[in-house]
Each structure stands twice: as structure tokens, then as C-alpha cells.
Amino acid sequence: MTVKTLQIVPDRCTGCMQCELACSWVQTGQFQPSRSLIRVQIFDEEASYAPYGCVQCDEAWCMNACPTQAIVIDPATGAKVVLDQMCIGCHLCTIACPFGTVWTTPGTDKAAKCDHCGGQPACATACPTQAIQYVDGDKSQDWFAGWQQRVHDGYVTALGPES
């Protein structure tokens, strides 16, 4: 089985927040972006946007930190998903996630993270500019290098060359 994951293309994001609305609708049945499992980061100083969500880490610190094994790999999609009935709301997964993409669900106080909508991610479907794409897992992180260089160049421009 080829594992697919979300690929983010920050330069294509217009900040329309359609991904947040679609995600919250599919996950909760309400248009409530605060409960979306994908978020759009606003970079005011650059007047740009970048969606972000669970990158489905190979190491999966969230899964390793869970004392009840409530985060498992979905055999159909390969995504690491939270089993609501197993989650005790200890928040260790939210602390362990280096990207801050495991959230606490309001009302239940349990963990929530991207589950790729069972293999049909609403965020990727709703994105009008293809800033979010559902691709084979080995291609999903290609954008990190370019984004890293762009952030570094912005830093050097703002603060001057490194000493």
C-alpha cells in the first residue's frame, strides 16, 4: 500500500481559509474553524499564508507518548489517528508533537489530529489554489527545503549577514 499524505505548497495559499471550513465541517458537522484539524498561519510581515497540519511523522512522537495507545496507524490510509474511546485526555500527545498539530477538542478535552478524512481529505478537495494536495508520502516534504531557504533569506535581509 502506498501511503499518501498532505503536501503543502505555501506560495499558492491565498489565506481564504476554505481548508479550515471544510475540515471543521467534515470532522464536526459545523463550520467552526477553531475545531479544524488544519490551520492557516498568517505571516503578517510577509503578507503571506501557509496551511499546516499533522505531517504524519515516521517517528510519531505523539503516538509514542500516548500512555493508552490511543493513537494508532489507520490500516486503510496509513495516517496516525486518535481513537476517541481510548483517549483519556492527558495531553501528552499535544506536548510531544514538535509541530503543535495535535489539538484538544473543546467539550471533551480529548486529543484530535488530522486523520486524512479516511483517505479523502476535505482540506485538499476544498482548496481552490491547490496549496494543499494529497500525494504519495515520499513526495510530501519536498517543499521544506525551499521554504527553509525563503525564511533564512528573509532573516538575513531583516537582520543583516550572520556574524
N, C-alpha and C. Protein backbone atom coordinates (compact mmCIF):
# COMPACT_ATOMS: atom_id res chain seq x y z
N MET A 1 0.84 -1.19 0.00
CA MET A 1 0.00 0.00 0.00
C MET A 1 0.88 1.25 0.00
N THR A 2 0.62 2.15 -0.91
CA THR A 2 1.32 3.43 -0.95
C THR A 2 0.63 4.37 0.02
N VAL A 3 1.41 4.87 0.97
CA VAL A 3 0.86 5.81 1.94
C VAL A 3 0.84 7.19 1.33
N LYS A 4 -0.29 7.85 1.43
CA LYS A 4 -0.42 9.21 0.91
C LYS A 4 -0.48 10.17 2.09
N THR A 5 -0.09 11.39 1.83
CA THR A 5 -0.13 12.41 2.87
C THR A 5 -0.38 13.77 2.24
N LEU A 6 -0.56 14.76 3.09
CA LEU A 6 -0.82 16.11 2.61
C LEU A 6 0.48 16.81 2.26
N GLN A 7 0.52 17.40 1.09
CA GLN A 7 1.65 18.23 0.69
C GLN A 7 1.18 19.67 0.72
N ILE A 8 1.94 20.51 1.37
CA ILE A 8 1.62 21.92 1.50
C ILE A 8 2.47 22.71 0.51
N VAL A 9 1.84 23.62 -0.24
CA VAL A 9 2.55 24.49 -1.17
C VAL A 9 2.24 25.93 -0.72
N PRO A 10 3.03 26.44 0.25
CA PRO A 10 2.72 27.74 0.86
C PRO A 10 2.57 28.89 -0.12
N ASP A 11 3.35 28.90 -1.19
CA ASP A 11 3.29 30.00 -2.14
C ASP A 11 1.94 30.09 -2.87
N ARG A 12 1.18 29.02 -2.85
CA ARG A 12 -0.13 29.02 -3.51
C ARG A 12 -1.26 29.46 -2.58
N CYS A 13 -1.01 29.50 -1.28
CA CYS A 13 -2.08 29.81 -0.31
C CYS A 13 -2.44 31.30 -0.36
N THR A 14 -3.73 31.57 -0.49
CA THR A 14 -4.22 32.96 -0.51
C THR A 14 -4.84 33.37 0.82
N GLY A 15 -4.90 32.45 1.77
CA GLY A 15 -5.49 32.76 3.06
C GLY A 15 -7.01 32.74 3.06
N CYS A 16 -7.63 32.05 2.14
CA CYS A 16 -9.10 32.04 2.03
C CYS A 16 -9.77 31.25 3.15
N MET A 17 -9.02 30.37 3.81
CA MET A 17 -9.49 29.56 4.94
C MET A 17 -10.54 28.50 4.55
N GLN A 18 -10.68 28.22 3.26
CA GLN A 18 -11.63 27.19 2.83
C GLN A 18 -11.24 25.83 3.40
N CYS A 19 -9.94 25.58 3.56
CA CYS A 19 -9.49 24.31 4.13
C CYS A 19 -9.97 24.15 5.56
N GLU A 20 -9.89 25.22 6.35
CA GLU A 20 -10.35 25.16 7.74
C GLU A 20 -11.85 24.91 7.82
N LEU A 21 -12.61 25.58 6.96
CA LEU A 21 -14.06 25.39 6.95
C LEU A 21 -14.43 23.97 6.54
N ALA A 22 -13.79 23.46 5.49
CA ALA A 22 -14.08 22.11 5.02
C ALA A 22 -13.72 21.07 6.07
N CYS A 23 -12.57 21.24 6.69
CA CYS A 23 -12.14 20.30 7.72
C CYS A 23 -13.10 20.29 8.90
N SER A 24 -13.44 21.46 9.39
CA SER A 24 -14.34 21.51 10.55
C SER A 24 -15.70 20.92 10.21
N TRP A 25 -16.17 21.12 8.99
CA TRP A 25 -17.46 20.56 8.59
C TRP A 25 -17.42 19.03 8.58
N VAL A 26 -16.37 18.47 7.96
CA VAL A 26 -16.27 17.02 7.88
C VAL A 26 -16.03 16.41 9.26
N GLN A 27 -15.22 17.05 10.08
CA GLN A 27 -14.88 16.49 11.39
C GLN A 27 -15.98 16.67 12.44
N THR A 28 -16.72 17.80 12.37
CA THR A 28 -17.68 18.10 13.44
C THR A 28 -19.11 18.32 12.97
N GLY A 29 -19.30 18.50 11.66
CA GLY A 29 -20.64 18.81 11.15
C GLY A 29 -21.01 20.27 11.34
N GLN A 30 -20.03 21.10 11.67
CA GLN A 30 -20.25 22.53 11.85
C GLN A 30 -19.14 23.30 11.15
N PHE A 31 -19.48 24.49 10.65
CA PHE A 31 -18.45 25.38 10.12
C PHE A 31 -17.86 26.14 11.29
N GLN A 32 -16.85 25.56 11.90
CA GLN A 32 -16.24 26.12 13.10
C GLN A 32 -14.72 25.97 12.97
N PRO A 33 -14.06 26.95 12.33
CA PRO A 33 -12.62 26.84 12.08
C PRO A 33 -11.78 26.58 13.33
N SER A 34 -12.24 26.99 14.49
CA SER A 34 -11.47 26.74 15.71
C SER A 34 -11.38 25.25 16.02
N ARG A 35 -12.23 24.45 15.38
CA ARG A 35 -12.18 22.99 15.59
C ARG A 35 -11.61 22.26 14.37
N SER A 36 -11.08 23.02 13.44
CA SER A 36 -10.44 22.43 12.27
C SER A 36 -9.15 21.75 12.69
N LEU A 37 -8.78 20.70 11.98
CA LEU A 37 -7.55 19.98 12.26
C LEU A 37 -6.42 20.40 11.32
N ILE A 38 -6.70 21.38 10.49
CA ILE A 38 -5.68 22.05 9.68
C ILE A 38 -5.87 23.54 9.95
N ARG A 39 -4.79 24.26 10.02
CA ARG A 39 -4.85 25.69 10.31
C ARG A 39 -4.06 26.45 9.26
N VAL A 40 -4.39 27.71 9.10
CA VAL A 40 -3.65 28.58 8.19
C VAL A 40 -2.89 29.59 9.04
N GLN A 41 -1.58 29.57 8.91
CA GLN A 41 -0.72 30.51 9.63
C GLN A 41 -0.61 31.78 8.80
N ILE A 42 -0.81 32.91 9.44
CA ILE A 42 -0.71 34.19 8.77
C ILE A 42 0.65 34.81 9.12
N PHE A 43 1.41 35.15 8.10
CA PHE A 43 2.70 35.81 8.28
C PHE A 43 2.51 37.27 7.90
N ASP A 44 2.16 38.08 8.87
CA ASP A 44 1.86 39.50 8.63
C ASP A 44 3.02 40.24 7.99
N GLU A 45 4.24 39.98 8.48
CA GLU A 45 5.38 40.73 7.99
C GLU A 45 5.70 40.45 6.53
N GLU A 46 5.28 39.30 6.03
CA GLU A 46 5.50 38.96 4.63
C GLU A 46 4.21 39.03 3.82
N ALA A 47 3.10 39.30 4.47
CA ALA A 47 1.79 39.31 3.82
C ALA A 47 1.56 37.99 3.08
N SER A 48 1.84 36.88 3.78
CA SER A 48 1.66 35.57 3.17
C SER A 48 0.99 34.62 4.15
N TYR A 49 0.60 33.46 3.65
CA TYR A 49 -0.12 32.46 4.44
C TYR A 49 0.49 31.09 4.17
N ALA A 50 0.30 30.19 5.12
CA ALA A 50 0.73 28.80 4.91
C ALA A 50 -0.16 27.89 5.74
N PRO A 51 -0.86 26.96 5.08
CA PRO A 51 -1.63 25.98 5.84
C PRO A 51 -0.68 25.01 6.53
N TYR A 52 -1.09 24.48 7.67
CA TYR A 52 -0.28 23.48 8.35
C TYR A 52 -1.19 22.52 9.10
N GLY A 53 -0.73 21.31 9.19
CA GLY A 53 -1.45 20.25 9.89
C GLY A 53 -0.48 19.13 10.19
N CYS A 54 -1.00 18.04 10.67
CA CYS A 54 -0.16 16.90 11.01
C CYS A 54 0.60 16.42 9.78
N VAL A 55 1.92 16.25 9.93
CA VAL A 55 2.74 15.78 8.83
C VAL A 55 2.90 14.26 8.84
N GLN A 56 2.20 13.59 9.75
CA GLN A 56 2.23 12.13 9.84
C GLN A 56 3.68 11.64 9.92
N CYS A 57 4.39 12.12 10.93
CA CYS A 57 5.81 11.79 11.14
C CYS A 57 6.05 10.29 11.15
N ASP A 58 7.19 9.89 10.61
CA ASP A 58 7.58 8.49 10.70
C ASP A 58 7.81 8.10 12.17
N GLU A 59 8.46 9.00 12.91
CA GLU A 59 8.76 8.73 14.32
C GLU A 59 7.52 8.84 15.21
N ALA A 60 6.57 9.67 14.83
CA ALA A 60 5.29 9.84 15.52
C ALA A 60 5.43 9.98 17.04
N TRP A 61 6.00 11.08 17.46
CA TRP A 61 6.19 11.32 18.89
C TRP A 61 4.87 11.31 19.64
N CYS A 62 3.82 11.82 19.01
CA CYS A 62 2.51 11.82 19.66
C CYS A 62 2.07 10.40 20.00
N MET A 63 2.26 9.50 19.06
CA MET A 63 1.86 8.11 19.25
C MET A 63 2.73 7.44 20.32
N ASN A 64 4.01 7.73 20.30
CA ASN A 64 4.93 7.14 21.29
C ASN A 64 4.67 7.66 22.69
N ALA A 65 4.19 8.89 22.81
CA ALA A 65 3.95 9.49 24.13
C ALA A 65 2.64 9.04 24.76
N CYS A 66 1.72 8.51 23.98
CA CYS A 66 0.39 8.17 24.48
C CYS A 66 0.44 6.96 25.41
N PRO A 67 0.03 7.14 26.67
CA PRO A 67 0.10 6.03 27.62
C PRO A 67 -0.99 4.97 27.42
N THR A 68 -2.03 5.29 26.67
CA THR A 68 -3.12 4.34 26.47
C THR A 68 -3.16 3.77 25.05
N GLN A 69 -2.17 4.11 24.24
CA GLN A 69 -2.10 3.67 22.84
C GLN A 69 -3.35 4.07 22.07
N ALA A 70 -3.80 5.31 22.33
CA ALA A 70 -4.99 5.84 21.66
C ALA A 70 -4.68 6.39 20.28
N ILE A 71 -3.41 6.50 19.92
CA ILE A 71 -3.02 6.94 18.58
C ILE A 71 -2.45 5.73 17.87
N VAL A 72 -3.10 5.37 16.77
CA VAL A 72 -2.73 4.17 16.02
C VAL A 72 -2.63 4.51 14.54
N ILE A 73 -2.08 3.59 13.78
CA ILE A 73 -1.98 3.77 12.33
C ILE A 73 -3.22 3.17 11.68
N ASP A 74 -3.93 3.98 10.93
CA ASP A 74 -5.10 3.52 10.20
C ASP A 74 -4.63 2.61 9.06
N PRO A 75 -5.04 1.35 9.06
CA PRO A 75 -4.55 0.43 8.03
C PRO A 75 -4.99 0.81 6.62
N ALA A 76 -6.08 1.52 6.48
CA ALA A 76 -6.59 1.90 5.17
C ALA A 76 -5.82 3.07 4.56
N THR A 77 -5.38 4.03 5.40
CA THR A 77 -4.74 5.24 4.87
C THR A 77 -3.29 5.40 5.29
N GLY A 78 -2.87 4.72 6.34
CA GLY A 78 -1.52 4.88 6.86
C GLY A 78 -1.37 6.09 7.77
N ALA A 79 -2.45 6.84 7.97
CA ALA A 79 -2.41 8.02 8.83
C ALA A 79 -2.43 7.61 10.30
N LYS A 80 -1.73 8.38 11.12
CA LYS A 80 -1.81 8.17 12.57
C LYS A 80 -3.08 8.87 13.05
N VAL A 81 -3.98 8.12 13.67
CA VAL A 81 -5.29 8.65 14.07
C VAL A 81 -5.53 8.43 15.55
N VAL A 82 -6.38 9.28 16.13
CA VAL A 82 -6.73 9.18 17.55
C VAL A 82 -8.00 8.34 17.68
N LEU A 83 -7.94 7.33 18.54
CA LEU A 83 -9.12 6.54 18.87
C LEU A 83 -9.79 7.22 20.07
N ASP A 84 -10.88 7.91 19.80
CA ASP A 84 -11.54 8.71 20.82
C ASP A 84 -11.88 7.91 22.07
N GLN A 85 -12.34 6.68 21.90
CA GLN A 85 -12.74 5.87 23.04
C GLN A 85 -11.56 5.46 23.92
N MET A 86 -10.33 5.53 23.39
CA MET A 86 -9.14 5.16 24.15
C MET A 86 -8.46 6.37 24.80
N CYS A 87 -8.72 7.56 24.27
CA CYS A 87 -8.06 8.78 24.75
C CYS A 87 -8.59 9.15 26.13
N ILE A 88 -7.66 9.42 27.05
CA ILE A 88 -8.05 9.81 28.42
C ILE A 88 -7.86 11.30 28.67
N GLY A 89 -7.45 12.04 27.65
CA GLY A 89 -7.30 13.49 27.79
C GLY A 89 -6.11 13.93 28.62
N CYS A 90 -5.03 13.16 28.60
CA CYS A 90 -3.85 13.51 29.40
C CYS A 90 -2.99 14.60 28.76
N HIS A 91 -3.16 14.84 27.47
CA HIS A 91 -2.46 15.88 26.71
C HIS A 91 -0.98 15.61 26.45
N LEU A 92 -0.51 14.41 26.75
CA LEU A 92 0.89 14.11 26.49
C LEU A 92 1.21 14.16 25.00
N CYS A 93 0.27 13.78 24.16
CA CYS A 93 0.50 13.84 22.71
C CYS A 93 0.63 15.28 22.23
N THR A 94 -0.15 16.18 22.79
CA THR A 94 -0.06 17.59 22.37
C THR A 94 1.28 18.18 22.79
N ILE A 95 1.79 17.74 23.91
CA ILE A 95 3.10 18.21 24.38
C ILE A 95 4.22 17.61 23.53
N ALA A 96 4.07 16.34 23.16
CA ALA A 96 5.11 15.63 22.42
C ALA A 96 5.23 16.06 20.97
N CYS A 97 4.16 16.55 20.37
CA CYS A 97 4.19 16.90 18.95
C CYS A 97 5.09 18.11 18.71
N PRO A 98 6.17 17.94 17.94
CA PRO A 98 7.09 19.06 17.71
C PRO A 98 6.51 20.14 16.79
N PHE A 99 5.41 19.83 16.11
CA PHE A 99 4.82 20.79 15.18
C PHE A 99 3.57 21.46 15.74
N GLY A 100 3.12 21.04 16.91
CA GLY A 100 1.92 21.63 17.51
C GLY A 100 0.66 21.35 16.72
N THR A 101 0.56 20.15 16.15
CA THR A 101 -0.60 19.84 15.32
C THR A 101 -1.49 18.75 15.91
N VAL A 102 -1.39 18.53 17.21
CA VAL A 102 -2.35 17.70 17.92
C VAL A 102 -3.08 18.65 18.85
N TRP A 103 -4.38 18.74 18.70
CA TRP A 103 -5.17 19.69 19.45
C TRP A 103 -6.06 19.01 20.47
N THR A 104 -6.57 19.79 21.40
CA THR A 104 -7.53 19.31 22.38
C THR A 104 -8.92 19.72 21.91
N THR A 105 -9.83 18.76 21.89
CA THR A 105 -11.18 19.02 21.43
C THR A 105 -11.98 19.71 22.53
N PRO A 106 -12.53 20.90 22.25
CA PRO A 106 -13.35 21.58 23.26
C PRO A 106 -14.54 20.71 23.66
N GLY A 107 -14.85 20.71 24.92
CA GLY A 107 -16.00 19.95 25.41
C GLY A 107 -15.64 18.57 25.90
N THR A 108 -14.79 17.86 25.14
CA THR A 108 -14.41 16.51 25.55
C THR A 108 -13.04 16.47 26.20
N ASP A 109 -12.21 17.48 25.92
CA ASP A 109 -10.85 17.56 26.45
C ASP A 109 -9.98 16.41 25.96
N LYS A 110 -10.34 15.82 24.82
CA LYS A 110 -9.57 14.72 24.25
C LYS A 110 -8.76 15.20 23.05
N ALA A 111 -7.80 14.40 22.65
CA ALA A 111 -6.92 14.76 21.55
C ALA A 111 -7.63 14.65 20.21
N ALA A 112 -7.19 15.48 19.28
CA ALA A 112 -7.68 15.42 17.90
C ALA A 112 -6.52 15.80 16.99
N LYS A 113 -6.41 15.09 15.89
CA LYS A 113 -5.38 15.38 14.90
C LYS A 113 -5.87 14.94 13.53
N CYS A 114 -5.23 15.39 12.50
CA CYS A 114 -5.64 15.07 11.14
C CYS A 114 -5.66 13.56 10.93
N ASP A 115 -6.75 13.08 10.35
CA ASP A 115 -6.88 11.66 10.03
C ASP A 115 -7.05 11.44 8.53
N HIS A 116 -6.76 12.48 7.76
CA HIS A 116 -6.88 12.46 6.29
C HIS A 116 -8.30 12.15 5.84
N CYS A 117 -9.26 12.39 6.72
CA CYS A 117 -10.68 12.20 6.38
C CYS A 117 -10.92 10.83 5.76
N GLY A 118 -10.25 9.82 6.30
CA GLY A 118 -10.44 8.47 5.80
C GLY A 118 -9.92 8.23 4.40
N GLY A 119 -9.02 9.07 3.93
CA GLY A 119 -8.44 8.91 2.60
C GLY A 119 -8.96 9.89 1.56
N GLN A 120 -9.85 10.79 1.98
CA GLN A 120 -10.36 11.83 1.08
C GLN A 120 -10.34 13.16 1.82
N PRO A 121 -9.13 13.75 2.02
CA PRO A 121 -9.01 14.96 2.82
C PRO A 121 -9.85 16.13 2.29
N ALA A 122 -10.76 16.60 3.13
CA ALA A 122 -11.64 17.71 2.76
C ALA A 122 -10.85 18.97 2.47
N CYS A 123 -9.76 19.19 3.19
CA CYS A 123 -8.97 20.41 3.00
C CYS A 123 -8.38 20.47 1.60
N ALA A 124 -7.84 19.34 1.12
CA ALA A 124 -7.25 19.31 -0.22
C ALA A 124 -8.32 19.47 -1.29
N THR A 125 -9.48 18.86 -1.05
CA THR A 125 -10.58 18.97 -2.01
C THR A 125 -11.10 20.40 -2.10
N ALA A 126 -11.18 21.08 -0.95
CA ALA A 126 -11.75 22.43 -0.89
C ALA A 126 -10.79 23.52 -1.32
N CYS A 127 -9.49 23.26 -1.32
CA CYS A 127 -8.51 24.31 -1.61
C CYS A 127 -8.59 24.73 -3.08
N PRO A 128 -8.98 25.99 -3.34
CA PRO A 128 -9.15 26.43 -4.73
C PRO A 128 -7.84 26.66 -5.48
N THR A 129 -6.71 26.75 -4.77
CA THR A 129 -5.44 27.04 -5.43
C THR A 129 -4.46 25.87 -5.40
N GLN A 130 -4.90 24.74 -4.89
CA GLN A 130 -4.07 23.54 -4.74
C GLN A 130 -2.85 23.80 -3.86
N ALA A 131 -3.03 24.62 -2.82
CA ALA A 131 -1.98 24.84 -1.84
C ALA A 131 -1.87 23.62 -0.93
N ILE A 132 -2.90 22.79 -0.92
CA ILE A 132 -2.89 21.53 -0.18
C ILE A 132 -3.22 20.43 -1.17
N GLN A 133 -2.33 19.45 -1.26
CA GLN A 133 -2.52 18.34 -2.18
C GLN A 133 -2.33 17.03 -1.44
N TYR A 134 -3.06 16.02 -1.84
CA TYR A 134 -2.95 14.68 -1.26
C TYR A 134 -2.10 13.85 -2.20
N VAL A 135 -0.86 13.56 -1.79
CA VAL A 135 0.12 12.93 -2.69
C VAL A 135 0.77 11.73 -2.02
N ASP A 136 1.53 10.96 -2.80
CA ASP A 136 2.29 9.86 -2.25
C ASP A 136 3.22 10.40 -1.17
N GLY A 137 3.34 9.68 -0.07
CA GLY A 137 4.08 10.13 1.10
C GLY A 137 5.51 10.53 0.86
N ASP A 138 6.20 9.88 -0.07
CA ASP A 138 7.61 10.19 -0.29
C ASP A 138 7.81 11.53 -0.99
N LYS A 139 6.75 12.15 -1.50
CA LYS A 139 6.85 13.44 -2.17
C LYS A 139 6.35 14.59 -1.30
N SER A 140 5.81 14.31 -0.13
CA SER A 140 5.09 15.31 0.63
C SER A 140 5.95 16.40 1.26
N GLN A 141 7.21 16.13 1.53
CA GLN A 141 8.04 17.11 2.23
C GLN A 141 8.97 17.88 1.32
N ASP A 142 8.80 17.76 0.00
CA ASP A 142 9.69 18.44 -0.95
C ASP A 142 9.74 19.95 -0.74
N TRP A 143 8.67 20.54 -0.24
CA TRP A 143 8.60 21.99 -0.11
C TRP A 143 9.41 22.52 1.05
N PHE A 144 9.79 21.69 2.02
CA PHE A 144 10.50 22.17 3.20
C PHE A 144 11.79 22.90 2.84
N ALA A 145 12.59 22.36 1.92
CA ALA A 145 13.89 22.97 1.59
C ALA A 145 13.71 24.38 1.03
N GLY A 146 12.80 24.55 0.10
CA GLY A 146 12.57 25.87 -0.48
C GLY A 146 12.03 26.85 0.53
N TRP A 147 11.12 26.39 1.37
CA TRP A 147 10.55 27.24 2.41
C TRP A 147 11.62 27.63 3.42
N GLN A 148 12.48 26.69 3.79
CA GLN A 148 13.57 26.96 4.73
C GLN A 148 14.48 28.04 4.17
N GLN A 149 14.83 27.95 2.90
CA GLN A 149 15.70 28.95 2.29
C GLN A 149 15.03 30.31 2.26
N ARG A 150 13.74 30.35 1.97
CA ARG A 150 13.00 31.61 1.92
C ARG A 150 12.96 32.28 3.30
N VAL A 151 12.73 31.50 4.34
CA VAL A 151 12.71 32.05 5.70
C VAL A 151 14.10 32.55 6.08
N HIS A 152 15.13 31.79 5.75
CA HIS A 152 16.50 32.19 6.07
C HIS A 152 16.87 33.49 5.34
N ASP A 153 16.53 33.57 4.05
CA ASP A 153 16.83 34.78 3.28
C ASP A 153 16.11 36.00 3.86
N GLY A 154 14.88 35.83 4.30
CA GLY A 154 14.15 36.91 4.93
C GLY A 154 14.81 37.37 6.22
N TYR A 155 15.30 36.40 6.98
CA TYR A 155 16.01 36.70 8.24
C TYR A 155 17.28 37.49 7.96
N VAL A 156 18.06 37.06 6.98
CA VAL A 156 19.32 37.75 6.65
C VAL A 156 19.03 39.16 6.14
N THR A 157 17.99 39.31 5.35
CA THR A 157 17.62 40.63 4.82
C THR A 157 17.22 41.56 5.96
N ALA A 158 16.46 41.03 6.92
CA ALA A 158 15.96 41.87 8.03
C ALA A 158 17.05 42.22 9.03
N LEU A 159 17.94 41.27 9.33
CA LEU A 159 18.91 41.49 10.40
C LEU A 159 20.35 41.64 9.92
N GLY A 160 20.60 41.45 8.66
CA GLY A 160 21.95 41.56 8.14
C GLY A 160 22.62 40.21 8.11
N PRO A 161 23.78 40.15 7.46
CA PRO A 161 24.50 38.87 7.36
C PRO A 161 24.89 38.32 8.73
N GLU A 162 25.01 36.99 8.77
CA GLU A 162 25.40 36.34 10.02
C GLU A 162 26.82 36.71 10.37
N SER A 163 27.09 36.79 11.64
CA SER A 163 28.46 37.11 12.10
C SER A 163 29.30 35.88 12.18
